[in-house]
Protein backbone atom coordinates (compact mmCIF):
# COMPACT_ATOMS: atom_id res chain seq x y z
CA UNK A 1 -108.48 -85.11 8.49
CA UNK A 2 -110.12 -87.10 5.89
CA UNK A 3 -113.27 -85.62 4.99
CA UNK A 4 -115.95 -87.03 2.80
CA UNK A 5 -120.31 -86.78 2.17
CA UNK A 6 -121.90 -88.93 3.77
CA UNK A 7 -125.77 -90.01 2.85
CA UNK A 8 -127.53 -86.84 3.18
CA UNK A 9 -124.51 -84.99 0.99
CA UNK A 10 -123.44 -83.12 4.15
CA UNK A 11 -120.06 -83.17 4.80
CA UNK A 12 -118.30 -85.41 7.13
CA UNK A 13 -115.02 -86.02 8.64
CA UNK A 14 -112.70 -88.72 9.93
CA UNK A 15 -111.01 -88.40 13.37
CA UNK A 16 -107.89 -89.68 11.96
CA UNK A 17 -105.11 -87.95 10.36
CA UNK A 18 -104.58 -87.40 6.83
CA UNK A 19 -101.72 -89.49 6.78
CA UNK A 20 -103.99 -92.81 7.65
CA UNK A 21 -105.43 -92.11 4.37
CA UNK A 22 -102.45 -91.51 2.27
CA UNK A 23 -100.66 -94.61 4.01
CA UNK A 24 -103.89 -97.15 2.89
CA UNK A 25 -103.99 -94.98 -0.39
CA UNK A 26 -100.46 -96.01 -1.31
CA UNK A 27 -100.82 -99.65 -0.61
CA UNK A 28 -104.10 -99.92 -2.52
CA UNK A 29 -102.21 -98.26 -5.97
CA UNK A 30 -99.34 -100.89 -5.17
CA UNK A 31 -102.11 -103.68 -4.94
CA UNK A 32 -103.72 -102.46 -8.60
CA UNK A 33 -100.37 -102.25 -9.80
CA UNK A 34 -99.65 -105.77 -8.94
CA UNK A 35 -102.76 -107.36 -10.08
CA UNK A 36 -103.41 -105.83 -12.90
CA UNK A 37 -106.54 -104.12 -11.93
CA UNK A 38 -108.64 -102.20 -14.84
CA UNK A 39 -110.45 -98.79 -13.84
CA UNK A 40 -112.53 -98.15 -11.57
CA UNK A 41 -115.52 -96.44 -10.36
CA UNK A 42 -113.45 -95.19 -7.23
CA UNK A 43 -109.61 -93.82 -7.37
CA UNK A 44 -107.01 -95.71 -4.88
CA UNK A 45 -107.63 -92.86 -2.69
CA UNK A 46 -111.43 -92.62 -2.59
CA UNK A 47 -111.60 -96.63 -1.83
CA UNK A 48 -108.94 -96.14 0.70
CA UNK A 49 -111.68 -92.93 2.32
CA UNK A 50 -114.45 -95.32 1.93
CA UNK A 51 -113.03 -98.17 3.42
CA UNK A 52 -111.64 -95.77 6.99
CA UNK A 53 -114.97 -94.29 7.08
CA UNK A 54 -116.31 -98.02 7.41
CA UNK A 55 -113.40 -98.61 9.71
CA UNK A 56 -113.72 -95.90 11.92
CA UNK A 57 -117.07 -94.34 11.64
CA UNK A 58 -118.69 -97.49 11.72
CA UNK A 59 -120.72 -96.64 8.83
CA UNK A 60 -122.81 -99.32 6.80
CA UNK A 61 -122.28 -100.39 3.29
CA UNK A 62 -125.94 -98.70 2.58
CA UNK A 63 -124.57 -95.31 4.10
CA UNK A 64 -121.59 -95.38 2.20
CA UNK A 65 -123.36 -96.71 -1.33
CA UNK A 66 -125.23 -93.68 -1.13
CA UNK A 67 -122.76 -90.82 0.02
CA UNK A 68 -119.73 -92.09 -2.64
CA UNK A 69 -122.81 -92.73 -5.13
CA UNK A 70 -121.47 -96.44 -5.77
CA UNK A 71 -122.74 -100.09 -5.36
CA UNK A 72 -120.12 -102.09 -4.70
CA UNK A 73 -119.40 -101.19 -1.70
CA UNK A 74 -118.94 -104.49 -0.15
CA UNK A 75 -116.24 -105.41 -2.46
CA UNK A 76 -113.93 -102.29 -1.95
CA UNK A 77 -113.84 -102.28 1.77
CA UNK A 78 -112.98 -105.93 1.94
CA UNK A 79 -109.95 -105.66 -0.86
CA UNK A 80 -109.06 -103.09 1.46
CA UNK A 81 -109.47 -104.99 4.34
CA UNK A 82 -107.04 -107.43 2.67
CA UNK A 83 -104.50 -105.47 2.00
CA UNK A 84 -103.53 -104.08 5.41
CA UNK A 85 -104.27 -107.13 7.29
CA UNK A 86 -101.51 -108.74 5.29
CA UNK A 87 -99.45 -106.16 6.40
CA UNK A 88 -100.09 -106.90 10.32
CA UNK A 89 -96.95 -108.29 12.24
CA UNK A 90 -96.97 -112.17 13.19
CA UNK A 91 -96.69 -113.01 16.65
CA UNK A 92 -92.89 -114.83 15.78
CA UNK A 93 -92.51 -110.93 14.43
CA UNK A 94 -94.52 -109.43 18.00
CA UNK A 95 -92.58 -111.01 20.01
CA UNK A 96 -88.88 -110.17 18.92
CA UNK A 97 -90.10 -106.98 19.36
CA UNK A 98 -90.80 -108.13 22.87
CA UNK A 99 -87.73 -108.75 23.35
CA UNK A 100 -86.63 -105.07 23.30
CA UNK A 101 -88.39 -104.01 25.75
CA UNK A 102 -88.61 -104.65 29.41
CA UNK A 103 -91.74 -106.43 29.51
CA UNK A 104 -94.92 -106.11 27.79
CA UNK A 105 -98.60 -106.67 29.07
CA UNK A 106 -100.72 -108.94 27.81
CA UNK A 107 -105.12 -108.40 28.34
CA UNK A 108 -108.05 -109.72 26.42
CA UNK A 109 -110.87 -108.03 25.62
CA UNK A 110 -114.40 -109.24 24.12
CA UNK A 111 -115.36 -107.35 20.68
CA UNK A 112 -118.63 -107.75 20.72
CA UNK A 113 -120.62 -109.03 17.90
CA UNK A 114 -124.36 -109.16 17.05
CA UNK A 115 -125.85 -112.84 17.31
CA UNK A 116 -128.75 -114.63 19.00
CA UNK A 117 -128.82 -115.92 22.23
CA UNK A 118 -128.84 -119.63 20.73
CA UNK A 119 -124.99 -118.66 19.41
CA UNK A 120 -123.76 -120.75 22.60
CA UNK A 121 -120.11 -120.88 21.74
CA UNK A 122 -119.77 -116.84 20.93
CA UNK A 123 -121.27 -116.16 24.30
CA UNK A 124 -118.96 -114.86 27.31
CA UNK A 125 -120.52 -115.74 30.69
CA UNK A 126 -117.87 -113.23 31.88
CA UNK A 127 -119.11 -110.34 30.17
CA UNK A 128 -123.07 -111.64 29.85
CA UNK A 129 -122.78 -110.91 25.57
CA UNK A 130 -121.70 -112.21 22.66
CA UNK A 131 -118.79 -111.53 21.63
CA UNK A 132 -115.46 -112.87 19.41
CA UNK A 133 -111.99 -113.20 22.34
CA UNK A 134 -108.71 -111.64 21.41
CA UNK A 135 -105.87 -111.23 23.07
CA UNK A 136 -104.01 -108.15 22.58
CA UNK A 137 -100.03 -107.62 23.74
CA UNK A 138 -98.86 -104.30 24.23
CA UNK A 139 -95.82 -102.51 25.71
CA UNK A 140 -94.79 -100.86 28.50
CA UNK A 141 -96.41 -97.46 27.64
CA UNK A 142 -99.65 -99.44 26.53
CA UNK A 143 -98.73 -99.05 22.92
CA UNK A 144 -100.21 -102.06 20.55
CA UNK A 145 -97.53 -105.17 19.70
CA UNK A 146 -99.97 -107.92 18.50
CA UNK A 147 -103.60 -108.57 18.54
CA UNK A 148 -104.50 -112.31 18.33
CA UNK A 149 -106.84 -114.07 15.52
CA UNK A 150 -109.95 -113.60 17.34
CA UNK A 151 -112.04 -116.43 19.34
CA UNK A 152 -115.36 -117.31 19.94
CA UNK A 153 -116.74 -115.53 23.44
CA UNK A 154 -116.97 -118.70 25.26
CA UNK A 155 -113.11 -119.88 25.11
CA UNK A 156 -111.55 -118.21 28.42
CA UNK A 157 -108.44 -115.70 28.19
CA UNK A 158 -106.02 -118.81 29.62
CA UNK A 159 -107.31 -121.35 26.59
CA UNK A 160 -107.01 -118.73 24.22
CA UNK A 161 -103.44 -117.82 24.97
CA UNK A 162 -102.15 -121.23 24.91
CA UNK A 163 -104.23 -122.29 21.67
CA UNK A 164 -102.39 -118.81 20.16
CA UNK A 165 -99.07 -120.38 21.15
CA UNK A 166 -98.57 -116.91 23.08
CA UNK A 167 -97.39 -117.71 26.74
CA UNK A 168 -94.87 -120.81 24.77
CA UNK A 169 -93.52 -117.77 22.40
CA UNK A 170 -93.08 -115.13 25.57
CA UNK A 171 -91.29 -117.66 27.48
CA UNK A 172 -89.13 -119.20 25.09
CA UNK A 173 -88.28 -115.42 24.24
CA UNK A 174 -87.74 -114.65 28.00
CA UNK A 175 -89.56 -111.82 27.91
CA UNK A 176 -91.16 -111.13 31.56
CA UNK A 177 -94.97 -110.47 31.09
CA UNK A 178 -97.76 -108.67 33.13
CA UNK A 179 -101.33 -110.30 32.83
CA UNK A 180 -104.54 -110.41 34.73
CA UNK A 181 -106.45 -113.52 36.95
CA UNK A 182 -107.71 -115.27 33.89
CA UNK A 183 -104.16 -116.17 32.70
CA UNK A 184 -103.73 -118.11 36.21
CA UNK A 185 -102.00 -121.17 35.72
CA UNK A 186 -99.96 -120.12 32.92
CA UNK A 187 -96.58 -120.32 34.58
CA UNK A 188 -93.36 -119.83 32.01
CA UNK A 189 -92.52 -115.45 32.33
CA UNK A 190 -96.73 -115.00 32.99
CA UNK A 191 -97.09 -113.30 36.44
CA UNK A 192 -100.76 -112.70 37.55
CA UNK A 193 -102.06 -111.42 40.86
CA UNK A 194 -102.36 -113.19 43.75
CA UNK A 195 -105.78 -114.98 44.39
CA UNK A 196 -108.01 -114.35 46.76
CA UNK A 197 -110.00 -111.47 48.34
CA UNK A 198 -108.39 -108.34 49.31
CA UNK A 199 -109.38 -108.38 53.14
CA UNK A 200 -107.99 -111.74 53.71
CA UNK A 201 -104.40 -111.21 51.64
CA UNK A 202 -101.51 -110.22 53.76
CA UNK A 203 -100.43 -106.91 53.63
CA UNK A 204 -97.52 -107.60 51.02
CA UNK A 205 -99.46 -109.70 48.71
CA UNK A 206 -102.12 -106.39 48.79
CA UNK A 207 -99.18 -103.97 47.98
CA UNK A 208 -97.69 -106.28 44.88
CA UNK A 209 -101.69 -106.97 43.57
CA UNK A 210 -101.59 -103.13 43.32
CA UNK A 211 -98.64 -102.57 41.73
CA UNK A 212 -99.99 -105.55 39.25
CA UNK A 213 -103.05 -103.72 38.70
CA UNK A 214 -101.01 -100.06 37.86
CA UNK A 215 -99.06 -101.73 35.37
CA UNK A 216 -102.14 -103.82 33.65
CA UNK A 217 -104.32 -100.64 33.55
CA UNK A 218 -101.42 -99.29 31.39
CA UNK A 219 -102.46 -102.15 28.84
CA UNK A 220 -106.00 -101.57 28.85
CA UNK A 221 -105.53 -98.47 27.25
CA UNK A 222 -104.85 -100.54 23.99
CA UNK A 223 -108.43 -102.27 24.16
CA UNK A 224 -109.39 -98.56 24.50
CA UNK A 225 -107.78 -97.83 21.49
CA UNK A 226 -108.84 -100.97 19.28
CA UNK A 227 -112.72 -99.90 20.13
CA UNK A 228 -111.81 -96.46 19.53
CA UNK A 229 -112.74 -98.03 16.12
CA UNK A 230 -116.29 -97.97 15.96
CA UNK A 231 -116.63 -100.80 13.70
CA UNK A 232 -115.06 -103.01 16.67
CA UNK A 233 -118.26 -101.62 19.19
CA UNK A 234 -120.45 -103.71 17.57
CA UNK A 235 -119.47 -106.36 14.77
CA UNK A 236 -122.19 -107.01 12.81
CA UNK A 237 -119.95 -109.07 9.94
CA UNK A 238 -119.35 -112.86 9.42
CA UNK A 239 -117.36 -114.03 12.28
CA UNK A 240 -114.65 -115.36 9.69
CA UNK A 241 -113.89 -111.78 8.40
CA UNK A 242 -113.54 -110.21 12.33
CA UNK A 243 -109.46 -111.58 12.50
CA UNK A 244 -108.77 -109.67 9.15
CA UNK A 245 -110.33 -106.39 10.62
CA UNK A 246 -108.75 -106.11 14.02
CA UNK A 247 -105.49 -106.84 11.82
CA UNK A 248 -106.25 -104.34 9.74
CA UNK A 249 -106.42 -101.33 12.55
CA UNK A 250 -103.11 -103.27 14.22
CA UNK A 251 -101.29 -102.66 11.24
CA UNK A 252 -102.60 -98.81 11.02
CA UNK A 253 -101.45 -98.50 14.16
CA UNK A 254 -98.12 -99.82 13.63
CA UNK A 255 -97.66 -97.66 10.71
CA UNK A 256 -97.92 -94.44 12.86
CA UNK A 257 -100.54 -93.28 10.50
CA UNK A 258 -103.54 -93.10 13.08
């Protein structure tokens, strides 16, 4: 478990395996070699630790600056995020992997952001708060396969899935997909529950919806996995950076290092 000293000088630990630190360190070191980076205050290993403390624990730049004894925290963190985000799979890569599965689960989730009420494009009427909409694709065991670029929270799940080309890509590959009512009308290979109140549905449709809900509940595990990274519970950065942050978390998960 990676350890460092926080802004008060107290030893702190990050609830990740040491392999996650090694994975990011190796890629940062390779990046420095490619770009011919000169000497820096932090080694690649310390930079990786700093970035993981920010992503996993949600520590602020001010806290990290004090704890690591540096001032250029933003530059170090942004570089680490860019390096790992580039390793995240594309939708085409994820669909190829999905073709080897019995089925996949598509779930939308809202990542909360620090916005004001006037920012209507980011306000989700369903969740009653500001955020960014991301579509999450998982395998039958709830393991992450792909996470979409982040869109404003006001964008409905079906619109987000169409805008990202998810529905078409899964249909062309013939991948059976389970989704919730947010994807009503998607058609193709997307399977959604029957609409209507439980009490008014025939017994057969209620049974189908019950099985459908159990399958989708597995996909919810992936959403919980994403929000296990404290930074993603309430994002206070520019909305243009959120996609790369999510890709970074995905890259770490798929590397088997978390």
